[in-house]
Amino acid sequence: MSREMQLVLDSIWPILKAGLVITIPLSLLSFAIALVIAIVTALARISNKRYLQVIFGAYVWIFRGTPLLVQLFIVFFGLPKAGITLDAWMAAIITFSLNTGAYASESIRASILALPKGQWEAAESLGMTYWQTMRRVIAPQTIRISLPPIANDFIDLVKGTSLVASITLADLFMVGQQITARTYEPLIIYTLCAFIYLIFISVLMVIQSRLEKYASKYV
């Protein structure tokens, strides 16, 4: 067996394990929080309360307008200067949740605004309250429309978790960097990292496709 093949066999499990233990859980937890943030933000921005529009609009503007890596550095390296010290795991969750929440909120907001205003008026004429209209009429259609872009946001989040290597969190990519530092084989190891990311993303794309088909039939 060649040295290169042996290196791949020796490296694949440590890198894959880091992906399963750190990358995927970090992505899932951050995305779950991001969805809550996105829904609240979207509803606030379409409300008739000006101060909510301004506050949440500023949040979206900031997190969509600055690089994710810079946001991560501010939370992990910058906040301790203000007396707020977070470990790498918590800093990553907060940053990814806020960043993805800003992007996903725009998908949800656009989906709601894409619905004809007549549906709101029809629901009101039937005596439905705002929240009844949202739950029974608007939400099901919003889910179907916003599902593809939100799923793409999740895929981007999984890939973006590679940045946590810069704040000492031993994710898939950082383990790859550590192996590269020992073996001096960046091409082999980083290609292996890319291959494992590709497997993760391919699985997510299959799940996305099935969810979209389900939503088109039943939602």
C-alpha atoms as a PDB file:
ATOM      1  CA  MET A   1       0.000   0.000   0.000  1.00  0.00           C
ATOM      2  CA  SER A   2       1.351   3.429  -0.935  1.00  0.00           C
ATOM      3  CA  ARG A   3       2.174   6.031   1.685  1.00  0.00           C
ATOM      4  CA  GLU A   4      -0.521   8.348   0.346  1.00  0.00           C
ATOM      5  CA  MET A   5      -3.231   5.700   0.579  1.00  0.00           C
ATOM      6  CA  GLN A   6      -2.173   4.786   4.102  1.00  0.00           C
ATOM      7  CA  LEU A   7      -2.316   8.469   5.049  1.00  0.00           C
ATOM      8  CA  VAL A   8      -5.872   8.722   3.739  1.00  0.00           C
ATOM      9  CA  LEU A   9      -6.949   5.597   5.637  1.00  0.00           C
ATOM     10  CA  ASP A  10      -5.336   6.837   8.843  1.00  0.00           C
ATOM     11  CA  SER A  11      -6.834  10.319   8.527  1.00  0.00           C
ATOM     12  CA  ILE A  12     -10.365   9.696   7.350  1.00  0.00           C
ATOM     13  CA  TRP A  13     -11.836   8.603  10.675  1.00  0.00           C
ATOM     14  CA  PRO A  14     -10.397  11.438  12.841  1.00  0.00           C
ATOM     15  CA  ILE A  15     -11.652  14.001  10.313  1.00  0.00           C
ATOM     16  CA  LEU A  16     -15.035  12.315   9.897  1.00  0.00           C
ATOM     17  CA  LYS A  17     -15.417  11.946  13.665  1.00  0.00           C
ATOM     18  CA  ALA A  18     -14.791  15.667  14.152  1.00  0.00           C
ATOM     19  CA  GLY A  19     -17.477  16.346  11.561  1.00  0.00           C
ATOM     20  CA  LEU A  20     -19.987  14.112  13.326  1.00  0.00           C
ATOM     21  CA  VAL A  21     -19.150  15.329  16.830  1.00  0.00           C
ATOM     22  CA  ILE A  22     -18.604  19.046  16.203  1.00  0.00           C
ATOM     23  CA  THR A  23     -19.575  20.217  12.709  1.00  0.00           C
ATOM     24  CA  ILE A  24     -23.011  18.606  12.415  1.00  0.00           C
ATOM     25  CA  PRO A  25     -24.218  19.257  16.009  1.00  0.00           C
ATOM     26  CA  LEU A  26     -22.968  22.846  15.796  1.00  0.00           C
ATOM     27  CA  SER A  27     -24.820  23.330  12.518  1.00  0.00           C
ATOM     28  CA  LEU A  28     -28.076  21.791  13.754  1.00  0.00           C
ATOM     29  CA  LEU A  29     -28.156  23.697  17.036  1.00  0.00           C
ATOM     30  CA  SER A  30     -27.220  27.005  15.425  1.00  0.00           C
ATOM     31  CA  PHE A  31     -29.809  26.543  12.692  1.00  0.00           C
ATOM     32  CA  ALA A  32     -32.581  25.698  15.164  1.00  0.00           C
ATOM     33  CA  ILE A  33     -31.902  28.928  17.050  1.00  0.00           C
ATOM     34  CA  ALA A  34     -31.529  30.819  13.769  1.00  0.00           C
ATOM     35  CA  LEU A  35     -34.999  29.730  12.635  1.00  0.00           C
ATOM     36  CA  VAL A  36     -36.568  31.171  15.785  1.00  0.00           C
ATOM     37  CA  ILE A  37     -34.634  34.412  15.284  1.00  0.00           C
ATOM     38  CA  ALA A  38     -35.615  34.490  11.604  1.00  0.00           C
ATOM     39  CA  ILE A  39     -39.341  34.071  12.277  1.00  0.00           C
ATOM     40  CA  VAL A  40     -39.359  36.758  14.982  1.00  0.00           C
ATOM     41  CA  THR A  41     -37.337  39.109  12.775  1.00  0.00           C
ATOM     42  CA  ALA A  42     -39.527  38.561   9.719  1.00  0.00           C
ATOM     43  CA  LEU A  43     -42.739  39.182  11.666  1.00  0.00           C
ATOM     44  CA  ALA A  44     -41.238  42.279  13.306  1.00  0.00           C
ATOM     45  CA  ARG A  45     -40.206  43.728   9.957  1.00  0.00           C
ATOM     46  CA  ILE A  46     -43.670  43.314   8.417  1.00  0.00           C
ATOM     47  CA  SER A  47     -45.452  44.629  11.488  1.00  0.00           C
ATOM     48  CA  ASN A  48     -46.942  48.116  11.596  1.00  0.00           C
ATOM     49  CA  LYS A  49     -44.721  49.102  14.518  1.00  0.00           C
ATOM     50  CA  ARG A  50     -42.018  51.403  13.244  1.00  0.00           C
ATOM     51  CA  TYR A  51     -39.605  50.861  16.128  1.00  0.00           C
ATOM     52  CA  LEU A  52     -39.623  47.095  15.528  1.00  0.00           C
ATOM     53  CA  GLN A  53     -38.943  47.625  11.840  1.00  0.00           C
ATOM     54  CA  VAL A  54     -35.988  49.869  12.660  1.00  0.00           C
ATOM     55  CA  ILE A  55     -34.464  47.620  15.355  1.00  0.00           C
ATOM     56  CA  PHE A  56     -34.740  44.352  13.450  1.00  0.00           C
ATOM     57  CA  GLY A  57     -33.904  46.031  10.159  1.00  0.00           C
ATOM     58  CA  ALA A  58     -30.650  47.261  11.697  1.00  0.00           C
ATOM     59  CA  TYR A  59     -29.886  43.744  12.925  1.00  0.00           C
ATOM     60  CA  VAL A  60     -30.356  42.281   9.440  1.00  0.00           C
ATOM     61  CA  TRP A  61     -28.335  45.087   7.864  1.00  0.00           C
ATOM     62  CA  ILE A  62     -25.387  44.536  10.217  1.00  0.00           C
ATOM     63  CA  PHE A  63     -25.210  40.753   9.953  1.00  0.00           C
ATOM     64  CA  ARG A  64     -25.781  40.625   6.205  1.00  0.00           C
ATOM     65  CA  GLY A  65     -23.363  43.458   5.593  1.00  0.00           C
ATOM     66  CA  THR A  66     -20.322  42.183   7.485  1.00  0.00           C
ATOM     67  CA  PRO A  67     -18.205  39.049   6.923  1.00  0.00           C
ATOM     68  CA  LEU A  68     -19.016  36.007   9.041  1.00  0.00           C
ATOM     69  CA  LEU A  69     -15.376  35.611  10.048  1.00  0.00           C
ATOM     70  CA  VAL A  70     -15.259  39.180  11.348  1.00  0.00           C
ATOM     71  CA  GLN A  71     -18.439  38.561  13.354  1.00  0.00           C
ATOM     72  CA  LEU A  72     -16.915  35.409  14.822  1.00  0.00           C
ATOM     73  CA  PHE A  73     -13.757  37.266  15.829  1.00  0.00           C
ATOM     74  CA  ILE A  74     -15.740  40.080  17.442  1.00  0.00           C
ATOM     75  CA  VAL A  75     -17.749  37.635  19.552  1.00  0.00           C
ATOM     76  CA  PHE A  76     -14.826  35.389  20.546  1.00  0.00           C
ATOM     77  CA  PHE A  77     -11.868  37.781  20.707  1.00  0.00           C
ATOM     78  CA  GLY A  78     -13.571  41.164  21.046  1.00  0.00           C
ATOM     79  CA  LEU A  79     -16.259  40.661  23.687  1.00  0.00           C
ATOM     80  CA  PRO A  80     -13.750  39.702  26.432  1.00  0.00           C
ATOM     81  CA  LYS A  81     -12.529  43.316  26.224  1.00  0.00           C
ATOM     82  CA  ALA A  82     -16.057  44.302  27.249  1.00  0.00           C
ATOM     83  CA  GLY A  83     -16.052  41.816  30.098  1.00  0.00           C
ATOM     84  CA  ILE A  84     -17.975  39.084  28.258  1.00  0.00           C
ATOM     85  CA  THR A  85     -15.931  35.911  27.850  1.00  0.00           C
ATOM     86  CA  LEU A  86     -17.353  33.000  25.897  1.00  0.00           C
ATOM     87  CA  ASP A  87     -15.855  29.632  25.100  1.00  0.00           C
ATOM     88  CA  ALA A  88     -15.363  28.711  21.449  1.00  0.00           C
ATOM     89  CA  TRP A  89     -18.482  26.530  21.282  1.00  0.00           C
ATOM     90  CA  MET A  90     -20.812  29.220  22.657  1.00  0.00           C
ATOM     91  CA  ALA A  91     -19.210  31.959  20.562  1.00  0.00           C
ATOM     92  CA  ALA A  92     -19.725  29.864  17.435  1.00  0.00           C
ATOM     93  CA  ILE A  93     -23.373  29.109  18.233  1.00  0.00           C
ATOM     94  CA  ILE A  94     -24.188  32.756  18.919  1.00  0.00           C
ATOM     95  CA  THR A  95     -22.432  34.011  15.795  1.00  0.00           C
ATOM     96  CA  PHE A  96     -23.814  31.388  13.407  1.00  0.00           C
ATOM     97  CA  SER A  97     -27.325  31.715  14.845  1.00  0.00           C
ATOM     98  CA  LEU A  98     -27.404  35.476  14.441  1.00  0.00           C
ATOM     99  CA  ASN A  99     -25.809  35.401  10.994  1.00  0.00           C
ATOM    100  CA  THR A 100     -28.033  32.671   9.568  1.00  0.00           C
ATOM    101  CA  GLY A 101     -31.087  34.141  11.291  1.00  0.00           C
ATOM    102  CA  ALA A 102     -30.547  37.418   9.441  1.00  0.00           C
ATOM    103  CA  TYR A 103     -30.413  35.709   6.049  1.00  0.00           C
ATOM    104  CA  ALA A 104     -33.269  33.299   6.739  1.00  0.00           C
ATOM    105  CA  SER A 105     -35.474  36.134   7.978  1.00  0.00           C
ATOM    106  CA  GLU A 106     -35.286  37.752   4.555  1.00  0.00           C
ATOM    107  CA  SER A 107     -36.437  34.514   2.920  1.00  0.00           C
ATOM    108  CA  ILE A 108     -39.383  34.254   5.310  1.00  0.00           C
ATOM    109  CA  ARG A 109     -40.280  37.929   5.004  1.00  0.00           C
ATOM    110  CA  ALA A 110     -40.172  37.790   1.209  1.00  0.00           C
ATOM    111  CA  SER A 111     -42.323  34.649   1.218  1.00  0.00           C
ATOM    112  CA  ILE A 112     -44.972  36.301   3.374  1.00  0.00           C
ATOM    113  CA  LEU A 113     -44.993  39.465   1.277  1.00  0.00           C
ATOM    114  CA  ALA A 114     -45.279  37.372  -1.899  1.00  0.00           C
ATOM    115  CA  LEU A 115     -48.724  36.154  -0.848  1.00  0.00           C
ATOM    116  CA  PRO A 116     -51.694  38.128  -2.230  1.00  0.00           C
ATOM    117  CA  LYS A 117     -53.103  40.682   0.200  1.00  0.00           C
ATOM    118  CA  GLY A 118     -56.536  39.339  -0.665  1.00  0.00           C
ATOM    119  CA  GLN A 119     -55.829  36.295   1.487  1.00  0.00           C
ATOM    120  CA  TRP A 120     -55.407  38.494   4.538  1.00  0.00           C
ATOM    121  CA  GLU A 121     -58.612  40.341   3.695  1.00  0.00           C
ATOM    122  CA  ALA A 122     -60.539  37.110   3.129  1.00  0.00           C
ATOM    123  CA  ALA A 123     -59.384  35.706   6.462  1.00  0.00           C
ATOM    124  CA  GLU A 124     -60.331  38.928   8.207  1.00  0.00           C
ATOM    125  CA  SER A 125     -63.785  38.829   6.626  1.00  0.00           C
ATOM    126  CA  LEU A 126     -64.228  35.341   8.066  1.00  0.00           C
ATOM    127  CA  GLY A 127     -63.546  36.697  11.532  1.00  0.00           C
ATOM    128  CA  MET A 128     -60.049  35.293  11.958  1.00  0.00           C
ATOM    129  CA  THR A 129     -57.627  37.074  14.225  1.00  0.00           C
ATOM    130  CA  TYR A 130     -54.133  38.018  13.071  1.00  0.00           C
ATOM    131  CA  TRP A 131     -52.561  34.937  14.628  1.00  0.00           C
ATOM    132  CA  GLN A 132     -55.295  32.619  13.343  1.00  0.00           C
ATOM    133  CA  THR A 133     -54.726  33.967   9.844  1.00  0.00           C
ATOM    134  CA  MET A 134     -50.995  33.531  10.228  1.00  0.00           C
ATOM    135  CA  ARG A 135     -51.292  29.960  11.489  1.00  0.00           C
ATOM    136  CA  ARG A 136     -54.031  28.653   9.185  1.00  0.00           C
ATOM    137  CA  VAL A 137     -53.525  30.628   5.984  1.00  0.00           C
ATOM    138  CA  ILE A 138     -50.144  32.346   5.786  1.00  0.00           C
ATOM    139  CA  ALA A 139     -47.750  29.943   7.554  1.00  0.00           C
ATOM    140  CA  PRO A 140     -48.452  26.841   5.407  1.00  0.00           C
ATOM    141  CA  GLN A 141     -47.875  28.770   2.192  1.00  0.00           C
ATOM    142  CA  THR A 142     -44.836  30.541   3.608  1.00  0.00           C
ATOM    143  CA  ILE A 143     -43.245  27.215   4.515  1.00  0.00           C
ATOM    144  CA  ARG A 144     -43.653  25.937   0.984  1.00  0.00           C
ATOM    145  CA  ILE A 145     -42.260  29.090  -0.631  1.00  0.00           C
ATOM    146  CA  SER A 146     -39.377  29.707   1.786  1.00  0.00           C
ATOM    147  CA  LEU A 147     -38.233  26.104   2.170  1.00  0.00           C
ATOM    148  CA  PRO A 148     -35.714  26.080  -0.741  1.00  0.00           C
ATOM    149  CA  PRO A 149     -33.862  29.283   0.243  1.00  0.00           C
ATOM    150  CA  ILE A 150     -33.882  28.389   3.941  1.00  0.00           C
ATOM    151  CA  ALA A 151     -32.503  24.929   3.151  1.00  0.00           C
ATOM    152  CA  ASN A 152     -29.764  26.646   1.151  1.00  0.00           C
ATOM    153  CA  ASP A 153     -29.031  28.832   4.167  1.00  0.00           C
ATOM    154  CA  PHE A 154     -28.550  25.679   6.231  1.00  0.00           C
ATOM    155  CA  ILE A 155     -26.191  24.212   3.658  1.00  0.00           C
ATOM    156  CA  ASP A 156     -24.190  27.452   3.679  1.00  0.00           C
ATOM    157  CA  LEU A 157     -24.114  27.261   7.476  1.00  0.00           C
ATOM    158  CA  VAL A 158     -22.645  23.746   7.446  1.00  0.00           C
ATOM    159  CA  LYS A 159     -19.886  24.887   5.105  1.00  0.00           C
ATOM    160  CA  GLY A 160     -19.361  28.067   7.109  1.00  0.00           C
ATOM    161  CA  THR A 161     -18.638  26.113  10.285  1.00  0.00           C
ATOM    162  CA  SER A 162     -15.141  25.532   8.904  1.00  0.00           C
ATOM    163  CA  LEU A 163     -14.375  29.033  10.187  1.00  0.00           C
ATOM    164  CA  VAL A 164     -14.507  27.852  13.806  1.00  0.00           C
ATOM    165  CA  ALA A 165     -11.031  26.430  13.292  1.00  0.00           C
ATOM    166  CA  SER A 166      -9.876  30.031  13.612  1.00  0.00           C
ATOM    167  CA  ILE A 167     -11.187  30.198  17.205  1.00  0.00           C
ATOM    168  CA  THR A 168      -9.635  26.885  18.324  1.00  0.00           C
ATOM    169  CA  LEU A 169     -12.740  24.704  18.029  1.00  0.00           C
ATOM    170  CA  ALA A 170     -11.630  21.265  16.802  1.00  0.00           C
ATOM    171  CA  ASP A 171     -14.112  20.786  13.996  1.00  0.00           C
ATOM    172  CA  LEU A 172     -13.666  18.794  10.803  1.00  0.00           C
ATOM    173  CA  PHE A 173     -11.431  21.398   9.162  1.00  0.00           C
ATOM    174  CA  MET A 174      -9.244  22.070  12.200  1.00  0.00           C
ATOM    175  CA  VAL A 175      -8.531  18.356  12.608  1.00  0.00           C
ATOM    176  CA  GLY A 176      -7.512  18.377   8.957  1.00  0.00           C
ATOM    177  CA  GLN A 177      -5.185  21.293   9.636  1.00  0.00           C
ATOM    178  CA  GLN A 178      -3.630  19.460  12.580  1.00  0.00           C
ATOM    179  CA  ILE A 179      -2.994  16.351  10.485  1.00  0.00           C
ATOM    180  CA  THR A 180      -1.530  18.496   7.708  1.00  0.00           C
ATOM    181  CA  ALA A 181       0.857  20.127  10.190  1.00  0.00           C
ATOM    182  CA  ARG A 182       2.145  16.681  11.189  1.00  0.00           C
ATOM    183  CA  THR A 183       2.313  15.063   7.755  1.00  0.00           C
ATOM    184  CA  TYR A 184       3.128  18.003   5.454  1.00  0.00           C
ATOM    185  CA  GLU A 185       0.555  16.699   2.958  1.00  0.00           C
ATOM    186  CA  PRO A 186      -1.871  19.600   2.449  1.00  0.00           C
ATOM    187  CA  LEU A 187      -3.172  18.433  -0.930  1.00  0.00           C
ATOM    188  CA  ILE A 188      -4.193  14.992   0.303  1.00  0.00           C
ATOM    189  CA  ILE A 189      -5.642  16.064   3.647  1.00  0.00           C
ATOM    190  CA  TYR A 190      -7.500  19.150   2.473  1.00  0.00           C
ATOM    191  CA  THR A 191      -8.921  17.196  -0.468  1.00  0.00           C
ATOM    192  CA  LEU A 192     -10.093  14.590   2.029  1.00  0.00           C
ATOM    193  CA  CYS A 193     -11.747  17.340   4.098  1.00  0.00           C
ATOM    194  CA  ALA A 194     -13.457  18.665   0.990  1.00  0.00           C
ATOM    195  CA  PHE A 195     -14.681  15.162   0.136  1.00  0.00           C
ATOM    196  CA  ILE A 196     -16.213  14.683   3.594  1.00  0.00           C
ATOM    197  CA  TYR A 197     -17.913  18.097   3.399  1.00  0.00           C
ATOM    198  CA  LEU A 198     -19.225  17.061  -0.004  1.00  0.00           C
ATOM    199  CA  ILE A 199     -20.730  13.900   1.483  1.00  0.00           C
ATOM    200  CA  PHE A 200     -22.447  15.876   4.246  1.00  0.00           C
ATOM    201  CA  ILE A 201     -23.804  18.451   1.817  1.00  0.00           C
ATOM    202  CA  SER A 202     -24.960  15.798  -0.646  1.00  0.00           C
ATOM    203  CA  VAL A 203     -27.006  14.121   2.092  1.00  0.00           C
ATOM    204  CA  LEU A 204     -28.527  17.481   3.003  1.00  0.00           C
ATOM    205  CA  MET A 205     -29.381  18.173  -0.633  1.00  0.00           C
ATOM    206  CA  VAL A 206     -31.232  14.853  -0.862  1.00  0.00           C
ATOM    207  CA  ILE A 207     -33.153  15.688   2.326  1.00  0.00           C
ATOM    208  CA  GLN A 208     -33.915  19.147   0.940  1.00  0.00           C
ATOM    209  CA  SER A 209     -35.286  17.678  -2.277  1.00  0.00           C
ATOM    210  CA  ARG A 210     -37.566  15.295  -0.402  1.00  0.00           C
ATOM    211  CA  LEU A 211     -38.803  18.025   1.932  1.00  0.00           C
ATOM    212  CA  GLU A 212     -39.651  20.222  -1.036  1.00  0.00           C
ATOM    213  CA  LYS A 213     -41.627  17.409  -2.653  1.00  0.00           C
ATOM    214  CA  TYR A 214     -43.451  16.751   0.616  1.00  0.00           C
ATOM    215  CA  ALA A 215     -44.221  20.435   1.098  1.00  0.00           C
ATOM    216  CA  SER A 216     -45.566  20.787  -2.446  1.00  0.00           C
ATOM    217  CA  LYS A 217     -48.028  17.954  -1.826  1.00  0.00           C
ATOM    218  CA  TYR A 218     -49.157  18.365   1.756  1.00  0.00           C
ATOM    219  CA  VAL A 219     -48.408  21.908   2.919  1.00  0.00           C
END
